Amino acid sequence: MSKARASLCVIAATVVAAVALFFAPKPAPKTLRTAVITRGRLQVSAMVQGTVAYADTRYVPAPVSGRVEAVYAEPGDRLLTGQLIVQFDRSSELAALSALEKRQYVIMNQLAQLSAGTAALEAALGELLPWEAQHSQLQLSMAAKQIRADGEGVLGNLYISPGDYVLQGAPLAEVRSDELCITAFWTGNQSRLPAPGMAACWCDADGTPAGELLLKSVALAGQDAAAGLKLCFAPVGELPLQQPPGTGLPIRLVLDELPETGLAPLSALDPQGCLWLIRDGRAVSCQVAPGEAYDGLMQVPVELEGCRVVLDPESATLTDGALVRTGEDM
């Protein structure tokens, strides 16, 4: 075969291959789930389990040991500062006080009959000094056996009845406020701790927000931080919390709101740290340095706002330039 003829054969084969390639069926584009990158502030939040309780509940301890003589209030009664709630048996102090007052009467009669400067007068005057100390001590002892409200409030649970013998320090009753709050315990992320003033909302069982809350106070739940924190939330707005005390409520607490940036679904990031963008019907990989991620969203450069991104790119086994068709949005 001549060289010219061989060249013609090569050209012919090339033309046939090009024609075959042109008319060959093109690969069908993949249909992928996608989402649009938006601009916004990433809200860092956490869920805690709350319980409806009274905003302020304080226990009334027994200042001394003794037998309960009388109870002067009932659960639900509104108390004023200084109002008598419980009185212990004071019979021994009353008997001692009566004897002491009789002795004072005798001494005062003696003083009236004695002449000034006599030894008997000096002895009687000397007896008055310990009398005054004993009298003051008896008055203090009797006052300690009368338990009074240390502030305004409502009498809650009452733990004693007349005739009961109570040890010093034992709880006698509890005094509470009318205002309801939600208490919860925090043992979670220590990098962002709750602080008074943070916004929150209580949720229905399915997680739907049902009302706004404000974190009013944060306190140690135990002797140290390892025991966690006790949080107290107050409802926001004029309507009080309708749930009765003891009701459990899930709470979403907003720990932080990060500066405005691009937001993309966390599922759009592949293991190599790439986002796959859709441009002119083709998949294009884009290396990014994602920021913080919370609640299924992550921070991405704001310049990507409006771009359409592929969800779950690892399962799609994409290559740069692959034909794609967008399907269901997120």
C-alpha atoms as a PDB file:
ATOM      1  CA  MET A   1       0.000   0.000   0.000  1.00  0.00           C
ATOM      2  CA  SER A   2       1.345   3.411  -0.953  1.00  0.00           C
ATOM      3  CA  LYS A   3       1.924   6.143   1.571  1.00  0.00           C
ATOM      4  CA  ALA A   4      -0.778   8.285  -0.012  1.00  0.00           C
ATOM      5  CA  ARG A   5      -3.298   5.518   0.227  1.00  0.00           C
ATOM      6  CA  ALA A   6      -2.394   4.832   3.830  1.00  0.00           C
ATOM      7  CA  SER A   7      -2.860   8.516   4.684  1.00  0.00           C
ATOM      8  CA  LEU A   8      -6.312   8.495   3.108  1.00  0.00           C
ATOM      9  CA  CYS A   9      -7.289   5.487   5.225  1.00  0.00           C
ATOM     10  CA  VAL A  10      -6.204   7.213   8.419  1.00  0.00           C
ATOM     11  CA  ILE A  11      -8.168  10.347   7.516  1.00  0.00           C
ATOM     12  CA  ALA A  12     -11.233   8.287   6.686  1.00  0.00           C
ATOM     13  CA  ALA A  13     -11.035   6.413   9.966  1.00  0.00           C
ATOM     14  CA  THR A  14     -10.711   9.673  11.872  1.00  0.00           C
ATOM     15  CA  VAL A  15     -13.754  11.148  10.134  1.00  0.00           C
ATOM     16  CA  VAL A  16     -15.810   8.020  10.865  1.00  0.00           C
ATOM     17  CA  ALA A  17     -14.809   8.098  14.523  1.00  0.00           C
ATOM     18  CA  ALA A  18     -15.691  11.803  14.810  1.00  0.00           C
ATOM     19  CA  VAL A  19     -19.077  11.247  13.175  1.00  0.00           C
ATOM     20  CA  ALA A  20     -19.764   8.282  15.449  1.00  0.00           C
ATOM     21  CA  LEU A  21     -18.797  10.326  18.511  1.00  0.00           C
ATOM     22  CA  PHE A  22     -21.043  13.198  17.415  1.00  0.00           C
ATOM     23  CA  PHE A  23     -24.081  11.000  16.914  1.00  0.00           C
ATOM     24  CA  ALA A  24     -23.422   8.781  19.959  1.00  0.00           C
ATOM     25  CA  PRO A  25     -25.992   9.222  22.794  1.00  0.00           C
ATOM     26  CA  LYS A  26     -24.824  11.743  25.367  1.00  0.00           C
ATOM     27  CA  PRO A  27     -24.799  10.729  29.062  1.00  0.00           C
ATOM     28  CA  ALA A  28     -27.961  11.810  30.826  1.00  0.00           C
ATOM     29  CA  PRO A  29     -27.376  14.556  33.415  1.00  0.00           C
ATOM     30  CA  LYS A  30     -27.754  13.494  37.035  1.00  0.00           C
ATOM     31  CA  THR A  31     -30.764  14.805  38.927  1.00  0.00           C
ATOM     32  CA  LEU A  32     -29.578  16.123  42.281  1.00  0.00           C
ATOM     33  CA  ARG A  33     -31.121  17.653  45.375  1.00  0.00           C
ATOM     34  CA  THR A  34     -29.882  21.210  45.785  1.00  0.00           C
ATOM     35  CA  ALA A  35     -30.300  24.317  47.934  1.00  0.00           C
ATOM     36  CA  VAL A  36     -29.571  28.015  47.539  1.00  0.00           C
ATOM     37  CA  ILE A  37     -26.933  29.646  49.739  1.00  0.00           C
ATOM     38  CA  THR A  38     -28.534  32.479  51.673  1.00  0.00           C
ATOM     39  CA  ARG A  39     -27.275  35.420  53.706  1.00  0.00           C
ATOM     40  CA  GLY A  40     -28.079  35.685  57.395  1.00  0.00           C
ATOM     41  CA  ARG A  41     -26.955  35.400  61.001  1.00  0.00           C
ATOM     42  CA  LEU A  42     -26.257  31.941  62.325  1.00  0.00           C
ATOM     43  CA  GLN A  43     -28.145  31.470  65.568  1.00  0.00           C
ATOM     44  CA  VAL A  44     -26.314  29.290  68.062  1.00  0.00           C
ATOM     45  CA  SER A  45     -28.904  27.581  70.238  1.00  0.00           C
ATOM     46  CA  ALA A  46     -29.305  24.603  72.530  1.00  0.00           C
ATOM     47  CA  MET A  47     -32.236  22.585  73.843  1.00  0.00           C
ATOM     48  CA  VAL A  48     -32.796  22.095  77.575  1.00  0.00           C
ATOM     49  CA  GLN A  49     -35.638  20.469  79.467  1.00  0.00           C
ATOM     50  CA  GLY A  50     -37.485  22.915  81.696  1.00  0.00           C
ATOM     51  CA  THR A  51     -40.051  22.594  84.459  1.00  0.00           C
ATOM     52  CA  VAL A  52     -42.676  25.184  85.370  1.00  0.00           C
ATOM     53  CA  ALA A  53     -42.092  26.435  88.917  1.00  0.00           C
ATOM     54  CA  TYR A  54     -42.651  29.516  91.033  1.00  0.00           C
ATOM     55  CA  ALA A  55     -40.101  32.256  90.398  1.00  0.00           C
ATOM     56  CA  ASP A  56     -39.081  32.461  94.055  1.00  0.00           C
ATOM     57  CA  THR A  57     -39.465  29.710  96.646  1.00  0.00           C
ATOM     58  CA  ARG A  58     -37.695  29.863  99.986  1.00  0.00           C
ATOM     59  CA  TYR A  59     -37.878  27.419 102.889  1.00  0.00           C
ATOM     60  CA  VAL A  60     -38.629  28.414 106.464  1.00  0.00           C
ATOM     61  CA  PRO A  61     -36.246  26.478 108.764  1.00  0.00           C
ATOM     62  CA  ALA A  62     -36.788  25.792 112.455  1.00  0.00           C
ATOM     63  CA  PRO A  63     -34.495  28.188 114.374  1.00  0.00           C
ATOM     64  CA  VAL A  64     -34.554  25.923 117.459  1.00  0.00           C
ATOM     65  CA  SER A  65     -35.679  22.438 118.399  1.00  0.00           C
ATOM     66  CA  GLY A  66     -39.053  22.138 120.090  1.00  0.00           C
ATOM     67  CA  ARG A  67     -42.698  21.123 119.983  1.00  0.00           C
ATOM     68  CA  VAL A  68     -45.072  22.966 117.677  1.00  0.00           C
ATOM     69  CA  GLU A  69     -47.722  24.720 119.749  1.00  0.00           C
ATOM     70  CA  ALA A  70     -49.726  26.460 117.021  1.00  0.00           C
ATOM     71  CA  VAL A  71     -49.796  27.140 113.274  1.00  0.00           C
ATOM     72  CA  TYR A  72     -51.337  30.473 112.302  1.00  0.00           C
ATOM     73  CA  ALA A  73     -51.485  30.201 108.491  1.00  0.00           C
ATOM     74  CA  GLU A  74     -52.627  27.739 105.839  1.00  0.00           C
ATOM     75  CA  PRO A  75     -51.173  26.876 102.425  1.00  0.00           C
ATOM     76  CA  GLY A  76     -52.263  29.520  99.937  1.00  0.00           C
ATOM     77  CA  ASP A  77     -52.479  32.333 102.493  1.00  0.00           C
ATOM     78  CA  ARG A  78     -50.833  35.602 101.516  1.00  0.00           C
ATOM     79  CA  LEU A  79     -48.198  36.601 104.072  1.00  0.00           C
ATOM     80  CA  LEU A  80     -46.943  40.030 105.119  1.00  0.00           C
ATOM     81  CA  THR A  81     -43.472  40.746 106.449  1.00  0.00           C
ATOM     82  CA  GLY A  82     -43.325  39.880 110.144  1.00  0.00           C
ATOM     83  CA  GLN A  83     -46.569  37.906 110.145  1.00  0.00           C
ATOM     84  CA  LEU A  84     -46.591  35.048 112.699  1.00  0.00           C
ATOM     85  CA  ILE A  85     -46.651  31.651 110.978  1.00  0.00           C
ATOM     86  CA  VAL A  86     -45.648  29.061 113.599  1.00  0.00           C
ATOM     87  CA  GLN A  87     -45.192  29.173 117.372  1.00  0.00           C
ATOM     88  CA  PHE A  88     -43.272  26.590 119.387  1.00  0.00           C
ATOM     89  CA  ASP A  89     -44.115  25.622 122.968  1.00  0.00           C
ATOM     90  CA  ARG A  90     -42.870  28.407 125.272  1.00  0.00           C
ATOM     91  CA  SER A  91     -44.207  27.090 128.601  1.00  0.00           C
ATOM     92  CA  SER A  92     -40.759  26.747 130.221  1.00  0.00           C
ATOM     93  CA  GLU A  93     -39.779  30.303 129.267  1.00  0.00           C
ATOM     94  CA  LEU A  94     -43.124  31.684 130.444  1.00  0.00           C
ATOM     95  CA  ALA A  95     -42.795  29.913 133.812  1.00  0.00           C
ATOM     96  CA  ALA A  96     -39.230  31.175 134.241  1.00  0.00           C
ATOM     97  CA  LEU A  97     -40.277  34.686 133.267  1.00  0.00           C
ATOM     98  CA  SER A  98     -43.164  34.650 135.747  1.00  0.00           C
ATOM     99  CA  ALA A  99     -40.825  33.536 138.551  1.00  0.00           C
ATOM    100  CA  LEU A 100     -38.301  36.176 137.588  1.00  0.00           C
ATOM    101  CA  GLU A 101     -40.895  38.943 137.619  1.00  0.00           C
ATOM    102  CA  LYS A 102     -42.111  37.852 141.049  1.00  0.00           C
ATOM    103  CA  ARG A 103     -38.545  38.011 142.337  1.00  0.00           C
ATOM    104  CA  GLN A 104     -38.215  41.497 140.872  1.00  0.00           C
ATOM    105  CA  TYR A 105     -41.337  42.575 142.751  1.00  0.00           C
ATOM    106  CA  VAL A 106     -39.843  41.313 146.000  1.00  0.00           C
ATOM    107  CA  ILE A 107     -36.529  43.085 145.344  1.00  0.00           C
ATOM    108  CA  MET A 108     -38.249  46.379 144.513  1.00  0.00           C
ATOM    109  CA  ASN A 109     -40.220  46.215 147.765  1.00  0.00           C
ATOM    110  CA  GLN A 110     -37.014  45.593 149.683  1.00  0.00           C
ATOM    111  CA  LEU A 111     -35.341  48.565 148.039  1.00  0.00           C
ATOM    112  CA  ALA A 112     -38.177  50.826 149.052  1.00  0.00           C
ATOM    113  CA  GLN A 113     -37.738  49.892 152.710  1.00  0.00           C
ATOM    114  CA  LEU A 114     -33.948  50.010 152.931  1.00  0.00           C
ATOM    115  CA  SER A 115     -31.932  53.066 153.859  1.00  0.00           C
ATOM    116  CA  ALA A 116     -29.340  54.491 151.536  1.00  0.00           C
ATOM    117  CA  GLY A 117     -25.760  53.346 152.038  1.00  0.00           C
ATOM    118  CA  THR A 118     -26.608  50.158 153.921  1.00  0.00           C
ATOM    119  CA  ALA A 119     -25.107  46.795 153.030  1.00  0.00           C
ATOM    120  CA  ALA A 120     -28.596  45.313 152.520  1.00  0.00           C
ATOM    121  CA  LEU A 121     -29.379  47.965 149.901  1.00  0.00           C
ATOM    122  CA  GLU A 122     -26.153  47.261 148.024  1.00  0.00           C
ATOM    123  CA  ALA A 123     -26.933  43.515 148.047  1.00  0.00           C
ATOM    124  CA  ALA A 124     -30.442  44.128 146.682  1.00  0.00           C
ATOM    125  CA  LEU A 125     -29.105  46.409 143.911  1.00  0.00           C
ATOM    126  CA  GLY A 126     -26.495  43.785 143.001  1.00  0.00           C
ATOM    127  CA  GLU A 127     -29.276  41.227 142.559  1.00  0.00           C
ATOM    128  CA  LEU A 128     -30.997  43.419 139.956  1.00  0.00           C
ATOM    129  CA  LEU A 129     -28.098  43.155 137.484  1.00  0.00           C
ATOM    130  CA  PRO A 130     -28.322  39.371 136.852  1.00  0.00           C
ATOM    131  CA  TRP A 131     -32.114  39.732 136.837  1.00  0.00           C
ATOM    132  CA  GLU A 132     -31.932  42.053 133.830  1.00  0.00           C
ATOM    133  CA  ALA A 133     -29.601  39.674 131.942  1.00  0.00           C
ATOM    134  CA  GLN A 134     -31.855  36.689 132.666  1.00  0.00           C
ATOM    135  CA  HIS A 135     -34.930  38.649 131.633  1.00  0.00           C
ATOM    136  CA  SER A 136     -33.346  39.644 128.287  1.00  0.00           C
ATOM    137  CA  GLN A 137     -32.266  36.043 127.628  1.00  0.00           C
ATOM    138  CA  LEU A 138     -35.781  34.722 128.272  1.00  0.00           C
ATOM    139  CA  GLN A 139     -37.288  37.323 125.939  1.00  0.00           C
ATOM    140  CA  LEU A 140     -34.866  36.320 123.160  1.00  0.00           C
ATOM    141  CA  SER A 141     -35.621  32.635 123.694  1.00  0.00           C
ATOM    142  CA  MET A 142     -39.367  33.274 123.440  1.00  0.00           C
ATOM    143  CA  ALA A 143     -38.920  35.378 120.290  1.00  0.00           C
ATOM    144  CA  ALA A 144     -36.924  32.547 118.674  1.00  0.00           C
ATOM    145  CA  LYS A 145     -39.888  30.231 119.162  1.00  0.00           C
ATOM    146  CA  GLN A 146     -42.155  32.480 117.106  1.00  0.00           C
ATOM    147  CA  ILE A 147     -41.450  32.008 113.387  1.00  0.00           C
ATOM    148  CA  ARG A 148     -42.496  34.989 111.296  1.00  0.00           C
ATOM    149  CA  ALA A 149     -42.485  35.720 107.555  1.00  0.00           C
ATOM    150  CA  ASP A 150     -39.241  37.383 106.474  1.00  0.00           C
ATOM    151  CA  GLY A 151     -40.969  39.003 103.498  1.00  0.00           C
ATOM    152  CA  GLU A 152     -44.174  39.102 101.503  1.00  0.00           C
ATOM    153  CA  GLY A 153     -45.293  35.989  99.665  1.00  0.00           C
ATOM    154  CA  VAL A 154     -47.701  33.078  99.591  1.00  0.00           C
ATOM    155  CA  LEU A 155     -47.490  30.164 102.006  1.00  0.00           C
ATOM    156  CA  GLY A 156     -46.816  27.036  99.978  1.00  0.00           C
ATOM    157  CA  ASN A 157     -46.294  23.589 101.428  1.00  0.00           C
ATOM    158  CA  LEU A 158     -46.598  23.292 105.216  1.00  0.00           C
ATOM    159  CA  TYR A 159     -44.609  20.417 106.696  1.00  0.00           C
ATOM    160  CA  ILE A 160     -45.680  20.491 110.366  1.00  0.00           C
ATOM    161  CA  SER A 161     -48.820  20.298 112.546  1.00  0.00           C
ATOM    162  CA  PRO A 162     -49.490  21.318 116.166  1.00  0.00           C
ATOM    163  CA  GLY A 163     -47.973  18.766 118.534  1.00  0.00           C
ATOM    164  CA  ASP A 164     -45.086  17.788 116.240  1.00  0.00           C
ATOM    165  CA  TYR A 165     -41.582  17.839 117.690  1.00  0.00           C
ATOM    166  CA  VAL A 166     -39.172  19.516 115.255  1.00  0.00           C
ATOM    167  CA  LEU A 167     -35.372  19.545 115.244  1.00  0.00           C
ATOM    168  CA  GLN A 168     -33.439  22.742 114.683  1.00  0.00           C
ATOM    169  CA  GLY A 169     -32.894  23.438 110.966  1.00  0.00           C
ATOM    170  CA  ALA A 170     -35.741  21.193 109.784  1.00  0.00           C
ATOM    171  CA  PRO A 171     -38.013  22.804 107.116  1.00  0.00           C
ATOM    172  CA  LEU A 172     -41.305  24.045 108.569  1.00  0.00           C
ATOM    173  CA  ALA A 173     -42.894  25.493 105.428  1.00  0.00           C
ATOM    174  CA  GLU A 174     -42.106  27.185 102.146  1.00  0.00           C
ATOM    175  CA  VAL A 175     -42.977  30.706 101.059  1.00  0.00           C
ATOM    176  CA  ARG A 176     -43.282  31.393  97.335  1.00  0.00           C
ATOM    177  CA  SER A 177     -44.128  34.159  94.916  1.00  0.00           C
ATOM    178  CA  ASP A 178     -47.158  34.247  92.619  1.00  0.00           C
ATOM    179  CA  GLU A 179     -44.995  34.662  89.507  1.00  0.00           C
ATOM    180  CA  LEU A 180     -44.284  31.527  87.501  1.00  0.00           C
ATOM    181  CA  CYS A 181     -40.998  30.786  85.766  1.00  0.00           C
ATOM    182  CA  ILE A 182     -39.357  27.804  84.077  1.00  0.00           C
ATOM    183  CA  THR A 183     -36.322  26.211  85.677  1.00  0.00           C
ATOM    184  CA  ALA A 184     -33.843  24.030  83.816  1.00  0.00           C
ATOM    185  CA  PHE A 185     -30.381  22.577  84.363  1.00  0.00           C
ATOM    186  CA  TRP A 186     -27.383  23.130  82.090  1.00  0.00           C
ATOM    187  CA  THR A 187     -24.599  20.555  81.893  1.00  0.00           C
ATOM    188  CA  GLY A 188     -23.758  21.012  78.214  1.00  0.00           C
ATOM    189  CA  ASN A 189     -21.214  22.933  76.142  1.00  0.00           C
ATOM    190  CA  GLN A 190     -18.832  24.843  78.407  1.00  0.00           C
ATOM    191  CA  SER A 191     -17.488  27.031  75.585  1.00  0.00           C
ATOM    192  CA  ARG A 192     -20.735  29.005  75.463  1.00  0.00           C
ATOM    193  CA  LEU A 193     -22.340  29.266  78.874  1.00  0.00           C
ATOM    194  CA  PRO A 194     -25.828  30.682  79.464  1.00  0.00           C
ATOM    195  CA  ALA A 195     -25.967  34.216  80.858  1.00  0.00           C
ATOM    196  CA  PRO A 196     -28.851  36.379  82.132  1.00  0.00           C
ATOM    197  CA  GLY A 197     -30.548  38.302  79.342  1.00  0.00           C
ATOM    198  CA  MET A 198     -30.340  35.561  76.707  1.00  0.00           C
ATOM    199  CA  ALA A 199     -33.475  34.987  74.627  1.00  0.00           C
ATOM    200  CA  ALA A 200     -35.257  31.638  74.556  1.00  0.00           C
ATOM    201  CA  CYS A 201     -38.597  30.079  73.714  1.00  0.00           C
ATOM    202  CA  TRP A 202     -40.545  27.207  75.102  1.00  0.00           C
ATOM    203  CA  CYS A 203     -41.668  24.577  72.614  1.00  0.00           C
ATOM    204  CA  ASP A 204     -44.432  22.069  72.079  1.00  0.00           C
ATOM    205  CA  ALA A 205     -43.654  18.363  72.148  1.00  0.00           C
ATOM    206  CA  ASP A 206     -42.900  18.483  68.405  1.00  0.00           C
ATOM    207  CA  GLY A 207     -40.399  21.334  68.869  1.00  0.00           C
ATOM    208  CA  THR A 208     -42.666  24.130  67.576  1.00  0.00           C
ATOM    209  CA  PRO A 209     -42.013  27.438  69.422  1.00  0.00           C
ATOM    210  CA  ALA A 210     -44.971  28.245  71.696  1.00  0.00           C
ATOM    211  CA  GLY A 211     -43.866  31.382  73.553  1.00  0.00           C
ATOM    212  CA  GLU A 212     -40.942  33.701  74.203  1.00  0.00           C
ATOM    213  CA  LEU A 213     -38.795  33.488  77.321  1.00  0.00           C
ATOM    214  CA  LEU A 214     -35.967  35.485  78.838  1.00  0.00           C
ATOM    215  CA  LEU A 215     -33.185  33.952  80.913  1.00  0.00           C
ATOM    216  CA  LYS A 216     -33.475  35.824  84.231  1.00  0.00           C
ATOM    217  CA  SER A 217     -30.891  34.143  86.447  1.00  0.00           C
ATOM    218  CA  VAL A 218     -28.078  31.565  86.387  1.00  0.00           C
ATOM    219  CA  ALA A 219     -26.818  29.856  89.553  1.00  0.00           C
ATOM    220  CA  LEU A 220     -24.717  26.837  90.481  1.00  0.00           C
ATOM    221  CA  ALA A 221     -26.873  23.759  90.877  1.00  0.00           C
ATOM    222  CA  GLY A 222     -24.482  22.310  93.467  1.00  0.00           C
ATOM    223  CA  GLN A 223     -21.307  23.133  95.338  1.00  0.00           C
ATOM    224  CA  ASP A 224     -19.226  23.600  92.179  1.00  0.00           C
ATOM    225  CA  ALA A 225     -19.553  24.078  88.419  1.00  0.00           C
ATOM    226  CA  ALA A 226     -19.280  20.321  87.794  1.00  0.00           C
ATOM    227  CA  ALA A 227     -22.795  19.953  89.199  1.00  0.00           C
ATOM    228  CA  GLY A 228     -24.143  22.133  86.382  1.00  0.00           C
ATOM    229  CA  LEU A 229     -26.097  25.378  86.339  1.00  0.00           C
ATOM    230  CA  LYS A 230     -29.665  26.111  87.377  1.00  0.00           C
ATOM    231  CA  LEU A 231     -31.409  28.399  84.879  1.00  0.00           C
ATOM    232  CA  CYS A 232     -34.553  30.413  85.565  1.00  0.00           C
ATOM    233  CA  PHE A 233     -36.574  31.669  82.568  1.00  0.00           C
ATOM    234  CA  ALA A 234     -39.400  34.219  82.727  1.00  0.00           C
ATOM    235  CA  PRO A 235     -42.164  34.549  80.118  1.00  0.00           C
ATOM    236  CA  VAL A 236     -41.986  37.582  77.832  1.00  0.00           C
ATOM    237  CA  GLY A 237     -45.143  39.641  77.338  1.00  0.00           C
ATOM    238  CA  GLU A 238     -48.271  40.418  79.288  1.00  0.00           C
ATOM    239  CA  LEU A 239     -49.818  36.942  79.258  1.00  0.00           C
ATOM    240  CA  PRO A 240     -48.511  34.785  82.122  1.00  0.00           C
ATOM    241  CA  LEU A 241     -47.478  31.180  81.658  1.00  0.00           C
ATOM    242  CA  GLN A 242     -50.633  29.055  81.545  1.00  0.00           C
ATOM    243  CA  GLN A 243     -49.083  25.704  82.461  1.00  0.00           C
ATOM    244  CA  PRO A 244     -49.434  24.600  86.119  1.00  0.00           C
ATOM    245  CA  PRO A 245     -46.325  24.089  88.308  1.00  0.00           C
ATOM    246  CA  GLY A 246     -44.592  20.797  87.613  1.00  0.00           C
ATOM    247  CA  THR A 247     -45.292  20.846  83.871  1.00  0.00           C
ATOM    248  CA  GLY A 248     -42.262  19.872  81.799  1.00  0.00           C
ATOM    249  CA  LEU A 249     -41.430  22.001  78.756  1.00  0.00           C
ATOM    250  CA  PRO A 250     -38.628  21.759  76.176  1.00  0.00           C
ATOM    251  CA  ILE A 251     -36.769  25.074  75.809  1.00  0.00           C
ATOM    252  CA  ARG A 252     -34.604  26.391  72.984  1.00  0.00           C
ATOM    253  CA  LEU A 253     -32.007  28.780  74.418  1.00  0.00           C
ATOM    254  CA  VAL A 254     -30.267  31.216  72.048  1.00  0.00           C
ATOM    255  CA  LEU A 255     -26.631  31.224  73.203  1.00  0.00           C
ATOM    256  CA  ASP A 256     -25.246  33.515  70.499  1.00  0.00           C
ATOM    257  CA  GLU A 257     -26.006  35.131  67.163  1.00  0.00           C
ATOM    258  CA  LEU A 258     -22.978  35.251  64.878  1.00  0.00           C
ATOM    259  CA  PRO A 259     -22.297  38.086  62.393  1.00  0.00           C
ATOM    260  CA  GLU A 260     -24.123  38.068  59.068  1.00  0.00           C
ATOM    261  CA  THR A 261     -22.529  35.762  56.503  1.00  0.00           C
ATOM    262  CA  GLY A 262     -23.373  33.161  53.873  1.00  0.00           C
ATOM    263  CA  LEU A 263     -25.351  30.175  55.159  1.00  0.00           C
ATOM    264  CA  ALA A 264     -25.346  26.758  53.500  1.00  0.00           C
ATOM    265  CA  PRO A 265     -26.769  23.408  54.618  1.00  0.00           C
ATOM    266  CA  LEU A 266     -24.167  21.373  56.472  1.00  0.00           C
ATOM    267  CA  SER A 267     -25.010  18.395  54.263  1.00  0.00           C
ATOM    268  CA  ALA A 268     -23.599  20.273  51.228  1.00  0.00           C
ATOM    269  CA  LEU A 269     -20.003  19.882  52.434  1.00  0.00           C
ATOM    270  CA  ASP A 270     -18.143  16.824  51.146  1.00  0.00           C
ATOM    271  CA  PRO A 271     -15.420  15.017  53.171  1.00  0.00           C
ATOM    272  CA  GLN A 272     -12.685  16.997  51.358  1.00  0.00           C
ATOM    273  CA  GLY A 273     -14.143  20.326  52.475  1.00  0.00           C
ATOM    274  CA  CYS A 274     -15.645  21.200  49.088  1.00  0.00           C
ATOM    275  CA  LEU A 275     -18.987  22.614  48.070  1.00  0.00           C
ATOM    276  CA  TRP A 276     -20.327  21.545  44.675  1.00  0.00           C
ATOM    277  CA  LEU A 277     -21.945  24.491  42.942  1.00  0.00           C
ATOM    278  CA  ILE A 278     -24.256  24.321  39.917  1.00  0.00           C
ATOM    279  CA  ARG A 279     -23.117  26.637  37.145  1.00  0.00           C
ATOM    280  CA  ASP A 280     -24.637  26.525  33.660  1.00  0.00           C
ATOM    281  CA  GLY A 281     -25.976  23.034  34.290  1.00  0.00           C
ATOM    282  CA  ARG A 282     -22.657  21.605  35.405  1.00  0.00           C
ATOM    283  CA  ALA A 283     -21.194  20.693  38.793  1.00  0.00           C
ATOM    284  CA  VAL A 284     -18.182  22.756  39.844  1.00  0.00           C
ATOM    285  CA  SER A 285     -16.190  22.036  42.996  1.00  0.00           C
ATOM    286  CA  CYS A 286     -15.414  24.971  45.256  1.00  0.00           C
ATOM    287  CA  GLN A 287     -12.935  24.655  48.113  1.00  0.00           C
ATOM    288  CA  VAL A 288     -14.168  26.618  51.138  1.00  0.00           C
ATOM    289  CA  ALA A 289     -13.153  27.182  54.735  1.00  0.00           C
ATOM    290  CA  PRO A 290     -16.484  26.689  56.524  1.00  0.00           C
ATOM    291  CA  GLY A 291     -17.056  28.530  59.761  1.00  0.00           C
ATOM    292  CA  GLU A 292     -19.164  27.398  62.690  1.00  0.00           C
ATOM    293  CA  ALA A 293     -22.068  25.045  62.154  1.00  0.00           C
ATOM    294  CA  TYR A 294     -25.277  24.795  64.192  1.00  0.00           C
ATOM    295  CA  ASP A 295     -28.701  23.321  63.656  1.00  0.00           C
ATOM    296  CA  GLY A 296     -27.861  21.955  60.206  1.00  0.00           C
ATOM    297  CA  LEU A 297     -26.390  25.198  58.821  1.00  0.00           C
ATOM    298  CA  MET A 298     -22.789  26.318  58.403  1.00  0.00           C
ATOM    299  CA  GLN A 299     -21.029  29.589  57.716  1.00  0.00           C
ATOM    300  CA  VAL A 300     -19.586  30.012  54.193  1.00  0.00           C
ATOM    301  CA  PRO A 301     -18.130  33.080  52.403  1.00  0.00           C
ATOM    302  CA  VAL A 302     -20.849  35.681  51.851  1.00  0.00           C
ATOM    303  CA  GLU A 303     -19.715  35.967  48.206  1.00  0.00           C
ATOM    304  CA  LEU A 304     -21.452  32.627  47.575  1.00  0.00           C
ATOM    305  CA  GLU A 305     -24.879  34.051  48.420  1.00  0.00           C
ATOM    306  CA  GLY A 306     -27.419  33.057  45.769  1.00  0.00           C
ATOM    307  CA  CYS A 307     -25.362  30.143  44.407  1.00  0.00           C
ATOM    308  CA  ARG A 308     -27.070  26.778  44.125  1.00  0.00           C
ATOM    309  CA  VAL A 309     -25.236  23.999  45.940  1.00  0.00           C
ATOM    310  CA  VAL A 310     -25.550  20.190  45.731  1.00  0.00           C
ATOM    311  CA  LEU A 311     -26.758  18.371  48.842  1.00  0.00           C
ATOM    312  CA  ASP A 312     -25.085  15.115  49.903  1.00  0.00           C
ATOM    313  CA  PRO A 313     -22.399  15.393  47.195  1.00  0.00           C
ATOM    314  CA  GLU A 314     -20.518  12.304  48.411  1.00  0.00           C
ATOM    315  CA  SER A 315     -23.414  10.021  47.451  1.00  0.00           C
ATOM    316  CA  ALA A 316     -23.611  11.629  43.991  1.00  0.00           C
ATOM    317  CA  THR A 317     -19.941  10.800  43.063  1.00  0.00           C
ATOM    318  CA  LEU A 318     -19.516  14.049  41.171  1.00  0.00           C
ATOM    319  CA  THR A 319     -16.696  15.148  38.883  1.00  0.00           C
ATOM    320  CA  ASP A 320     -15.882  18.680  37.821  1.00  0.00           C
ATOM    321  CA  GLY A 321     -17.931  19.656  34.794  1.00  0.00           C
ATOM    322  CA  ALA A 322     -20.438  16.801  35.108  1.00  0.00           C
ATOM    323  CA  LEU A 323     -23.860  17.564  33.647  1.00  0.00           C
ATOM    324  CA  VAL A 324     -26.479  17.894  36.367  1.00  0.00           C
ATOM    325  CA  ARG A 325     -30.123  18.705  36.669  1.00  0.00           C
ATOM    326  CA  THR A 326     -31.496  20.274  39.841  1.00  0.00           C
ATOM    327  CA  GLY A 327     -34.242  18.413  41.591  1.00  0.00           C
ATOM    328  CA  GLU A 328     -35.973  18.923  44.914  1.00  0.00           C
ATOM    329  CA  ASP A 329     -34.779  21.935  46.899  1.00  0.00           C
ATOM    330  CA  MET A 330     -33.993  21.866  50.608  1.00  0.00           C
END
